Amino acid sequence: MYPEKIMGLIPDLDKGLFGQKAYTLIVTNYRLIFAQTTNQLMKQEIERAKSQAEANGAGFFGKWKASASTGMNFHNRYYNMPPQAILQEDPNNFEIRPEQVKSIKVRSGHYDQQYATTSPNRLVIKWSGGKEKFTFERMDPVQVKNILGPLVGSKLR
């Protein structure tokens, strides 16, 4: 058995009415881990970024820049964490193993010319525990499929 390693991340998955919950999907060589992005975690990461900038001699604007970029790069922290620690980081984090997956659909959003609006991309996972529905805009659907494909194979549509 090979050690578990992170194969890719899919950041900023929104779930629920008006996307009240945000998740990062961590794809390892053994499972899918859904890590919820909470306000508390974000505040901790902002404080860590400010402290690190200050330790590196940054002034006011350097600390501001470090804290402002935290939101865009928050998901990268998971590359430096063991998968089990990610799962245990928050009680709302959960995992789905490949054998539990029935199907995964990745759908592109579309542009409505009449209203000049764009609908977000969608990710729907049917598994033995139910159905998980997410929207996402940060990544292209093809990129998402490329990250998920090696783990779930033909279950991906």
Protein backbone atom coordinates (compact mmCIF):
# COMPACT_ATOMS: atom_id res chain seq x y z
CA MET A 1 0.00 0.00 0.00
CA TYR A 2 1.31 3.41 -0.98
CA PRO A 3 1.25 6.36 1.42
CA GLU A 4 -1.66 8.73 0.96
CA LYS A 5 -0.77 11.86 -0.96
CA ILE A 6 -2.69 14.86 -2.24
CA MET A 7 -3.26 14.69 -6.00
CA GLY A 8 -5.09 18.01 -6.38
CA LEU A 9 -7.37 20.63 -4.85
CA ILE A 10 -10.65 22.12 -5.99
CA PRO A 11 -11.15 25.36 -4.04
CA ASP A 12 -14.24 27.45 -3.36
CA LEU A 13 -17.01 24.90 -3.76
CA ASP A 14 -20.22 26.54 -2.57
CA LYS A 15 -23.01 24.52 -1.03
CA GLY A 16 -26.48 25.37 0.19
CA LEU A 17 -28.84 28.23 -0.42
CA PHE A 18 -26.83 31.21 -1.67
CA GLY A 19 -23.62 29.26 -1.06
CA GLN A 20 -23.68 29.64 2.72
CA LYS A 21 -21.04 26.96 3.14
CA ALA A 22 -17.75 26.91 1.28
CA TYR A 23 -15.54 23.86 0.91
CA THR A 24 -12.20 22.91 -0.55
CA LEU A 25 -12.19 19.45 -2.11
CA ILE A 26 -8.91 17.68 -1.50
CA VAL A 27 -8.39 14.73 -3.84
CA THR A 28 -5.89 12.16 -2.62
CA ASN A 29 -4.86 8.87 -4.17
CA TYR A 30 -7.34 7.14 -1.77
CA ARG A 31 -10.31 9.46 -1.13
CA LEU A 32 -12.11 12.77 -1.51
CA ILE A 33 -11.88 15.04 1.54
CA PHE A 34 -14.25 17.99 1.86
CA ALA A 35 -12.83 20.71 4.13
CA GLN A 36 -15.20 23.48 5.14
CA THR A 37 -13.83 27.01 5.05
CA THR A 38 -15.12 28.62 8.24
CA ASN A 39 -14.82 32.23 9.39
CA GLN A 40 -12.76 31.05 12.36
CA LEU A 41 -10.24 29.22 10.16
CA MET A 42 -10.01 32.21 7.84
CA LYS A 43 -9.34 34.58 10.76
CA GLN A 44 -6.63 32.25 12.10
CA GLU A 45 -4.98 32.08 8.68
CA ILE A 46 -5.10 35.89 8.30
CA GLU A 47 -3.46 36.33 11.71
CA ARG A 48 -0.80 33.76 10.81
CA ALA A 49 -0.08 35.59 7.52
CA LYS A 50 0.20 38.95 9.31
CA SER A 51 2.54 37.49 11.95
CA GLN A 52 4.70 35.87 9.32
CA ALA A 53 4.89 39.13 7.32
CA GLU A 54 5.82 41.05 10.48
CA ALA A 55 8.50 38.47 11.34
CA ASN A 56 9.91 39.00 7.85
CA GLY A 57 10.16 42.74 8.51
CA ALA A 58 7.06 43.89 6.64
CA GLY A 59 5.47 47.18 7.56
CA PHE A 60 1.81 48.16 7.55
CA PHE A 61 1.28 47.67 3.80
CA GLY A 62 3.22 44.39 3.76
CA LYS A 63 1.03 42.98 6.53
CA TRP A 64 -2.09 44.28 4.77
CA LYS A 65 -1.03 42.63 1.50
CA ALA A 66 -0.34 39.34 3.30
CA SER A 67 -3.76 39.34 4.97
CA ALA A 68 -5.58 40.44 1.79
CA SER A 69 -4.14 37.62 -0.31
CA THR A 70 -5.01 34.99 2.30
CA GLY A 71 -8.55 34.50 0.98
CA MET A 72 -7.38 33.76 -2.54
CA ASN A 73 -4.70 31.33 -1.39
CA PHE A 74 -6.40 29.79 1.66
CA HIS A 75 -6.78 26.38 0.01
CA ASN A 76 -3.02 26.03 -0.62
CA ARG A 77 -2.50 25.36 3.09
CA TYR A 78 -3.87 21.84 2.56
CA TYR A 79 -0.86 20.86 0.44
CA ASN A 80 1.20 21.07 3.66
CA MET A 81 -1.17 19.10 5.88
CA PRO A 82 -1.55 15.33 6.25
CA PRO A 83 -4.93 14.20 4.85
CA GLN A 84 -6.08 12.83 8.21
CA ALA A 85 -5.34 16.19 9.88
CA ILE A 86 -7.43 17.94 7.21
CA LEU A 87 -10.34 15.62 7.92
CA GLN A 88 -10.11 16.25 11.67
CA GLU A 89 -9.63 20.04 11.37
CA ASP A 90 -13.38 20.79 11.61
CA PRO A 91 -16.37 18.63 12.61
CA ASN A 92 -18.09 19.51 9.31
CA ASN A 93 -15.25 18.06 7.23
CA PHE A 94 -16.03 14.71 5.66
CA GLU A 95 -14.68 12.11 3.27
CA ILE A 96 -16.03 10.04 0.42
CA ARG A 97 -14.13 6.96 -0.67
CA PRO A 98 -14.10 5.96 -4.37
CA GLU A 99 -16.05 2.76 -3.69
CA GLN A 100 -18.86 4.86 -2.15
CA VAL A 101 -19.21 7.01 -5.28
CA LYS A 102 -22.08 6.12 -7.61
CA SER A 103 -21.54 9.00 -10.04
CA ILE A 104 -20.00 12.46 -10.30
CA LYS A 105 -21.30 15.03 -12.75
CA VAL A 106 -19.42 18.20 -13.62
CA ARG A 107 -21.47 20.70 -15.61
CA SER A 108 -20.43 24.01 -17.13
CA GLY A 109 -22.37 27.13 -16.30
CA HIS A 110 -23.95 29.08 -19.09
CA TYR A 111 -24.35 32.67 -20.16
CA ASP A 112 -27.89 34.07 -20.43
CA GLN A 113 -27.81 36.81 -23.08
CA GLN A 114 -31.26 38.10 -22.22
CA TYR A 115 -30.30 38.93 -18.63
CA ALA A 116 -26.53 39.25 -19.15
CA THR A 117 -25.83 36.80 -16.34
CA THR A 118 -23.70 33.70 -16.01
CA SER A 119 -24.73 30.69 -13.98
CA PRO A 120 -21.99 28.93 -12.03
CA ASN A 121 -20.50 25.55 -12.85
CA ARG A 122 -21.96 22.58 -10.96
CA LEU A 123 -20.55 19.50 -9.27
CA VAL A 124 -22.99 16.78 -8.20
CA ILE A 125 -21.76 13.71 -6.35
CA LYS A 126 -24.09 10.77 -5.81
CA TRP A 127 -22.70 8.37 -3.25
CA SER A 128 -23.82 5.78 -0.73
CA GLY A 129 -24.36 8.56 1.83
CA GLY A 130 -26.67 10.63 -0.40
CA LYS A 131 -26.11 13.45 -2.84
CA GLU A 132 -23.77 16.43 -2.54
CA LYS A 133 -24.38 19.47 -4.74
CA PHE A 134 -21.86 22.27 -5.18
CA THR A 135 -21.37 25.27 -7.43
CA PHE A 136 -17.98 26.64 -8.40
CA GLU A 137 -16.54 29.43 -10.49
CA ARG A 138 -12.84 29.52 -9.72
CA MET A 139 -11.80 26.54 -11.82
CA ASP A 140 -12.73 25.42 -15.30
CA PRO A 141 -14.89 22.24 -15.42
CA VAL A 142 -12.24 20.50 -17.52
CA GLN A 143 -9.64 21.14 -14.80
CA VAL A 144 -12.03 19.72 -12.19
CA LYS A 145 -12.56 16.59 -14.29
CA ASN A 146 -8.79 16.19 -14.73
CA ILE A 147 -8.31 16.26 -10.95
CA LEU A 148 -11.17 13.86 -10.17
CA GLY A 149 -10.67 11.45 -13.08
CA PRO A 150 -7.69 9.44 -11.84
CA LEU A 151 -9.47 8.59 -8.57
CA VAL A 152 -13.05 7.92 -9.70
CA GLY A 153 -12.54 6.90 -13.33
CA SER A 154 -15.69 5.92 -15.23
CA LYS A 155 -17.98 7.24 -12.49
CA LEU A 156 -17.15 10.76 -13.71
CA ARG A 157 -19.48 12.26 -16.29
